[in-house]
Amino acid sequence: NDEIIIFRILQEFFSNVIKHAKAKELFVLLKYEDNVFEILAKEDGVGFNSDLITHNSGMVTMKSRAELLNAELSITSKIGVGTTLFLKYPYNNE
């Protein structure tokens, strides 16, 4: 189930990039360590003002999904530069 939730978080981010960002490049890095899985996704699109996020936006949905996993999620954006997603998911490797 956790894998599906992680997939949905990335799916939402990718969908937002396609619909809104006007990005030329999207970079995704997956990093596996003993007890943590990290995802870094960056795009070079138009960016947005995170202060204007509504409570029913995809951003809120992604953050609530990350909370279900006890994962850390940060989404940062700068107008004219693009948006970055960072997810840190702790897991038991036994």
Protein backbone atom coordinates (compact mmCIF):
# COMPACT_ATOMS: atom_id res chain seq x y z
CA ASN A 1 0.00 0.00 0.00
CA ASP A 2 2.84 2.43 0.76
CA GLU A 3 4.18 2.05 -2.76
CA ILE A 4 0.82 3.06 -4.20
CA ILE A 5 0.71 6.16 -2.01
CA ILE A 6 4.22 7.17 -3.11
CA PHE A 7 3.20 6.59 -6.72
CA ARG A 8 0.13 8.82 -6.26
CA ILE A 9 2.25 11.62 -4.78
CA LEU A 10 4.56 11.53 -7.79
CA GLN A 11 1.64 11.20 -10.17
CA GLU A 12 0.11 14.39 -8.74
CA PHE A 13 3.41 16.25 -9.01
CA PHE A 14 3.96 15.10 -12.61
CA SER A 15 0.38 16.01 -13.52
CA ASN A 16 0.89 19.52 -12.12
CA VAL A 17 4.12 19.86 -14.10
CA ILE A 18 2.35 18.87 -17.32
CA LYS A 19 -0.73 21.06 -16.72
CA HIS A 20 0.77 24.19 -15.22
CA ALA A 21 4.56 24.44 -15.14
CA LYS A 22 5.48 24.94 -18.81
CA ALA A 23 8.72 23.17 -17.91
CA LYS A 24 11.35 22.20 -20.44
CA GLU A 25 13.03 19.68 -18.12
CA LEU A 26 11.94 17.41 -15.28
CA PHE A 27 14.63 15.69 -13.25
CA VAL A 28 13.87 12.78 -10.89
CA LEU A 29 16.36 11.17 -8.52
CA LEU A 30 15.51 8.04 -6.52
CA LYS A 31 17.89 7.24 -3.68
CA TYR A 32 17.70 4.00 -1.70
CA GLU A 33 19.51 3.59 1.59
CA ASP A 34 19.21 0.95 4.33
CA ASN A 35 16.13 2.38 6.03
CA VAL A 36 15.13 5.37 3.96
CA PHE A 37 13.96 6.01 0.42
CA GLU A 38 14.34 9.54 -0.95
CA ILE A 39 12.85 11.12 -4.03
CA LEU A 40 13.93 14.43 -5.49
CA ALA A 41 11.92 15.79 -8.42
CA LYS A 42 12.78 19.19 -9.96
CA GLU A 43 11.35 21.05 -12.91
CA ASP A 44 12.40 24.31 -14.54
CA GLY A 45 8.96 25.76 -15.19
CA VAL A 46 7.21 28.99 -14.32
CA GLY A 47 6.99 28.31 -10.58
CA PHE A 48 4.27 29.60 -8.28
CA ASN A 49 3.63 31.53 -5.10
CA SER A 50 3.12 28.90 -2.40
CA ASP A 51 1.31 31.44 -0.20
CA LEU A 52 -1.64 31.24 -2.60
CA ILE A 53 -2.24 27.47 -2.22
CA THR A 54 -5.86 26.59 -1.48
CA HIS A 55 -6.93 23.91 0.99
CA ASN A 56 -8.27 21.65 -1.78
CA SER A 57 -5.22 21.79 -4.02
CA GLY A 58 -3.07 18.89 -5.13
CA MET A 59 -0.32 20.23 -2.87
CA VAL A 60 -2.47 19.59 0.20
CA THR A 61 -3.36 16.13 -1.10
CA MET A 62 0.32 15.24 -1.58
CA LYS A 63 1.19 16.40 1.93
CA SER A 64 -1.67 14.46 3.53
CA ARG A 65 -0.60 11.32 1.65
CA ALA A 66 2.97 11.75 2.90
CA GLU A 67 1.65 12.05 6.46
CA LEU A 68 -0.05 8.65 6.05
CA LEU A 69 3.43 7.19 5.44
CA ASN A 70 5.15 9.13 8.22
CA ALA A 71 7.24 10.58 5.40
CA GLU A 72 8.73 14.04 5.15
CA LEU A 73 7.53 16.01 2.13
CA SER A 74 8.63 19.45 1.08
CA ILE A 75 7.58 21.30 -2.02
CA THR A 76 9.34 24.54 -2.82
CA SER A 77 8.77 26.83 -5.74
CA LYS A 78 10.15 30.08 -7.03
CA ILE A 79 8.48 32.11 -9.74
CA GLY A 80 10.54 31.98 -12.91
CA VAL A 81 12.75 29.17 -11.61
CA GLY A 82 10.53 26.13 -11.08
CA THR A 83 9.39 23.72 -8.40
CA THR A 84 11.13 21.04 -6.35
CA LEU A 85 9.60 18.11 -4.50
CA PHE A 86 11.56 16.21 -1.87
CA LEU A 87 10.14 13.10 -0.19
CA LYS A 88 11.93 11.17 2.54
CA TYR A 89 10.23 7.87 3.33
CA PRO A 90 11.50 5.78 6.25
CA TYR A 91 10.93 2.04 5.96
CA ASN A 92 11.85 -1.18 7.72
CA ASN A 93 14.19 -3.23 5.55
CA GLU A 94 13.56 -6.56 7.33
